Protein backbone atom coordinates (compact mmCIF):
# COMPACT_ATOMS: atom_id res chain seq x y z
CA MET A 1 2.22 -31.34 9.94
CA THR A 2 -0.59 -28.92 8.52
CA ALA A 3 -0.18 -26.96 5.42
CA MET A 4 -0.25 -23.27 6.05
CA ALA A 5 -3.40 -21.48 4.48
CA GLU A 6 -2.21 -19.47 1.58
CA LYS A 7 -1.88 -15.72 2.15
CA THR A 8 -2.60 -12.61 0.40
CA ALA A 9 -0.79 -9.57 0.08
CA ILE A 10 -1.36 -6.27 -1.50
CA VAL A 11 1.93 -4.13 -2.25
CA THR A 12 0.96 -0.38 -3.42
CA GLY A 13 3.53 1.34 -5.66
CA ALA A 14 4.93 -2.09 -6.56
CA GLY A 15 6.05 -1.62 -10.00
CA THR A 16 9.58 -0.22 -9.19
CA GLY A 17 11.80 0.35 -6.01
CA ILE A 18 11.14 -0.94 -2.63
CA GLY A 19 7.16 -1.84 -3.64
CA LYS A 20 8.61 -4.06 -6.50
CA SER A 21 11.67 -5.91 -4.12
CA VAL A 22 8.90 -6.29 -1.40
CA ALA A 23 6.47 -7.70 -4.03
CA THR A 24 9.08 -10.06 -5.86
CA THR A 25 9.90 -11.25 -2.14
CA LEU A 26 6.69 -11.78 -0.97
CA LEU A 27 5.73 -13.70 -4.10
CA GLN A 28 8.45 -15.90 -4.06
CA ALA A 29 8.09 -16.94 -0.56
CA GLY A 30 4.76 -18.11 -1.46
CA TRP A 31 2.52 -15.79 -0.64
CA ASN A 32 -0.55 -14.69 -3.49
CA THR A 33 0.53 -11.08 -4.24
CA VAL A 34 -1.15 -8.20 -5.52
CA PHE A 35 1.22 -5.95 -7.60
CA CYS A 36 -0.60 -2.42 -7.60
CA GLY A 37 0.45 0.53 -9.26
CA ARG A 38 -0.86 2.99 -11.89
CA ARG A 39 1.38 1.75 -14.93
CA LYS A 40 0.03 -1.94 -15.48
CA LYS A 41 3.24 -2.86 -18.05
CA LEU A 42 5.60 -2.30 -15.18
CA LEU A 43 3.66 -4.23 -12.94
CA GLU A 44 3.46 -7.34 -15.62
CA GLU A 45 6.82 -6.84 -16.27
CA ALA A 46 7.86 -7.09 -12.31
CA ILE A 47 6.02 -10.43 -11.87
CA ALA A 48 7.33 -11.62 -15.30
CA GLU A 49 10.99 -11.18 -13.50
CA ALA A 50 10.03 -13.12 -10.29
CA GLY A 51 9.97 -16.28 -12.16
CA LYS A 52 8.03 -19.35 -11.91
CA THR A 53 6.12 -18.13 -8.89
CA SER A 54 3.77 -15.89 -11.20
CA ALA A 55 0.79 -17.82 -11.21
CA LYS A 56 -0.10 -16.61 -7.57
CA ALA A 57 0.34 -12.90 -8.81
CA LEU A 58 -2.15 -10.48 -9.81
CA ALA A 59 -1.06 -6.65 -11.47
CA VAL A 60 -3.70 -4.07 -10.51
CA SER A 61 -4.00 -0.68 -12.60
CA CYS A 62 -5.09 1.63 -9.56
CA ASP A 63 -4.73 5.30 -8.76
CA ILE A 64 -4.73 4.96 -5.01
CA SER A 65 -6.10 8.48 -4.74
CA LYS A 66 -9.60 7.65 -6.28
CA ALA A 67 -12.16 5.75 -3.56
CA ASP A 68 -13.93 3.84 -6.48
CA GLU A 69 -10.55 2.69 -7.99
CA VAL A 70 -9.49 1.20 -4.32
CA ASP A 71 -13.17 -0.51 -3.69
CA ASP A 72 -12.53 -2.03 -7.22
CA MET A 73 -9.47 -3.23 -6.65
CA PHE A 74 -10.17 -4.86 -3.08
CA GLU A 75 -12.86 -6.67 -4.69
CA THR A 76 -10.90 -7.94 -7.12
CA VAL A 77 -8.43 -9.57 -5.03
CA VAL A 78 -11.05 -10.98 -2.57
CA GLU A 79 -12.57 -12.54 -5.71
CA ALA A 80 -9.36 -14.05 -6.98
CA PHE A 81 -7.81 -15.18 -3.73
CA GLY A 82 -10.55 -14.81 -1.07
CA ARG A 83 -9.03 -12.86 1.65
CA VAL A 84 -6.19 -10.10 2.15
CA ASP A 85 -3.68 -10.55 4.93
CA LEU A 86 -1.19 -8.20 4.48
CA LEU A 87 -1.19 -4.45 2.99
CA PHE A 88 2.43 -2.86 2.06
CA ASN A 89 1.43 0.89 1.72
CA ASN A 90 4.07 1.72 -0.16
CA ALA A 91 3.20 4.07 -3.05
CA GLY A 92 4.12 7.91 -2.89
CA MET A 93 5.57 10.56 -4.51
CA GLY A 94 7.49 13.70 -3.53
CA TYR A 95 8.35 17.21 -5.19
CA LYS A 96 11.67 19.18 -5.90
CA SER A 97 12.76 21.35 -2.91
CA THR A 98 10.73 24.26 -2.67
CA LEU A 99 9.73 26.78 -0.70
CA ILE A 100 6.00 27.07 0.22
CA ASP A 101 4.88 29.94 -1.54
CA GLU A 102 6.26 28.98 -4.60
CA ILE A 103 4.29 25.13 -4.25
CA PRO A 104 1.39 24.92 -6.60
CA VAL A 105 -1.28 23.74 -4.92
CA GLU A 106 -1.88 21.60 -7.62
CA VAL A 107 1.14 19.53 -6.58
CA TRP A 108 -0.07 20.20 -2.76
CA ASN A 109 -2.96 17.67 -4.00
CA ASP A 110 -1.16 15.23 -5.55
CA VAL A 111 1.30 14.59 -3.18
CA VAL A 112 -1.43 14.66 -0.58
CA GLY A 113 -3.65 12.57 -2.46
CA VAL A 114 -1.11 9.77 -3.14
CA ASN A 115 0.72 9.91 0.07
CA LEU A 116 -1.67 10.34 2.63
CA THR A 117 -5.54 10.06 1.23
CA GLY A 118 -4.08 7.03 -0.76
CA SER A 119 -2.82 4.86 1.87
CA PHE A 120 -6.39 5.71 4.18
CA LEU A 121 -8.18 4.32 1.39
CA CYS A 122 -6.18 1.42 0.98
CA ALA A 123 -6.02 0.83 4.94
CA ARG A 124 -9.97 1.83 5.41
CA ALA A 125 -10.65 -1.26 2.23
CA ALA A 126 -8.24 -3.44 4.01
CA PHE A 127 -9.55 -3.18 7.42
CA GLY A 128 -12.88 -3.73 6.31
CA VAL A 129 -11.56 -7.07 4.45
CA MET A 130 -9.91 -8.04 7.63
CA ARG A 131 -12.32 -7.24 10.02
CA ARG A 132 -14.66 -9.43 7.92
CA GLN A 133 -12.91 -12.59 6.83
CA LYS A 134 -12.87 -15.90 8.41
CA PRO A 135 -10.17 -16.27 10.10
CA MET A 136 -10.16 -12.43 10.74
CA GLY A 137 -7.19 -10.14 10.97
CA GLY A 138 -4.62 -9.07 8.97
CA ARG A 139 -1.41 -6.71 8.47
CA ILE A 140 -1.00 -3.44 7.22
CA ILE A 141 2.54 -1.89 6.67
CA ASN A 142 2.54 2.60 5.95
CA ASN A 143 5.73 3.06 4.45
CA GLY A 144 6.67 6.14 6.33
CA SER A 145 10.11 8.43 6.18
CA VAL A 146 12.67 10.06 8.29
CA SER A 147 11.07 13.30 6.99
CA ALA A 148 7.79 12.48 9.82
CA TYR A 149 11.05 13.27 12.49
CA ALA A 150 14.01 15.18 10.25
CA PRO A 151 12.37 17.20 7.23
CA ARG A 152 14.36 18.40 4.88
CA PRO A 153 14.13 22.11 3.62
CA GLY A 154 11.67 22.95 1.07
CA SER A 155 9.64 19.72 1.42
CA ALA A 156 6.44 21.02 3.01
CA PRO A 157 3.82 18.36 1.25
CA TYR A 158 6.05 15.21 1.62
CA THR A 159 7.00 16.07 5.22
CA ALA A 160 3.50 16.92 6.09
CA THR A 161 2.07 13.68 4.68
CA LYS A 162 4.64 11.49 6.38
CA HIS A 163 3.92 13.05 9.64
CA ALA A 164 0.26 12.16 9.14
CA ILE A 165 1.34 8.93 7.98
CA THR A 166 2.57 8.28 11.38
CA GLY A 167 -0.72 9.64 13.06
CA LEU A 168 -2.64 7.14 10.84
CA THR A 169 -0.37 3.92 11.69
CA LYS A 170 -0.84 4.52 15.57
CA THR A 171 -4.63 5.05 15.44
CA LEU A 172 -5.33 2.30 12.85
CA ALA A 173 -2.65 -0.09 15.88
CA LEU A 174 -5.26 0.55 18.42
CA ASP A 175 -8.21 0.37 16.47
CA GLY A 176 -7.37 -2.81 15.07
CA ARG A 177 -6.60 -4.56 18.43
CA PRO A 178 -9.68 -6.24 18.93
CA TYR A 179 -9.75 -7.71 15.37
CA ASP A 180 -6.46 -9.03 15.26
CA ILE A 181 -5.37 -6.61 12.81
CA ALA A 182 -1.70 -5.08 13.45
CA CYS A 183 -0.38 -1.64 11.71
CA GLY A 184 3.11 -0.09 11.94
């Protein structure tokens, strides 16, 4: 039986919650796992909590709403592990329930920056690596929300971004087919 080649995953928002759980599970299952988030201390703590498999983990502090930081992160990952097989676009933010005329424009920009632009930038970088690596291909998972189908009152920025994530995901699923890149 041939040994399975090492797989590499990047999980955004990996310092807490769903991201931390997914990153920890991947790491413990033998994947090279990149814990990505804004707070490096939380990422390092999450890796330490994962146990003996931490030698296969990398904590990368990154503001995914900034293209240069995302590009630097993907360059670091490829240097460290040689490829990217899975991107879990999980980082996200919301805002308290507020009527649209009372939502500060800065809040709108922050939510769109993380939830939509950040997912786009990470998917863009992952797609480029996955399309060019040998063997080609990979998987992109965009963490959506029920808000894309059943919005809550007072959630305009969050809901708008989650609707957009659905469209981004469907487009990537189509564009990725010739390159063995699946997106869901």
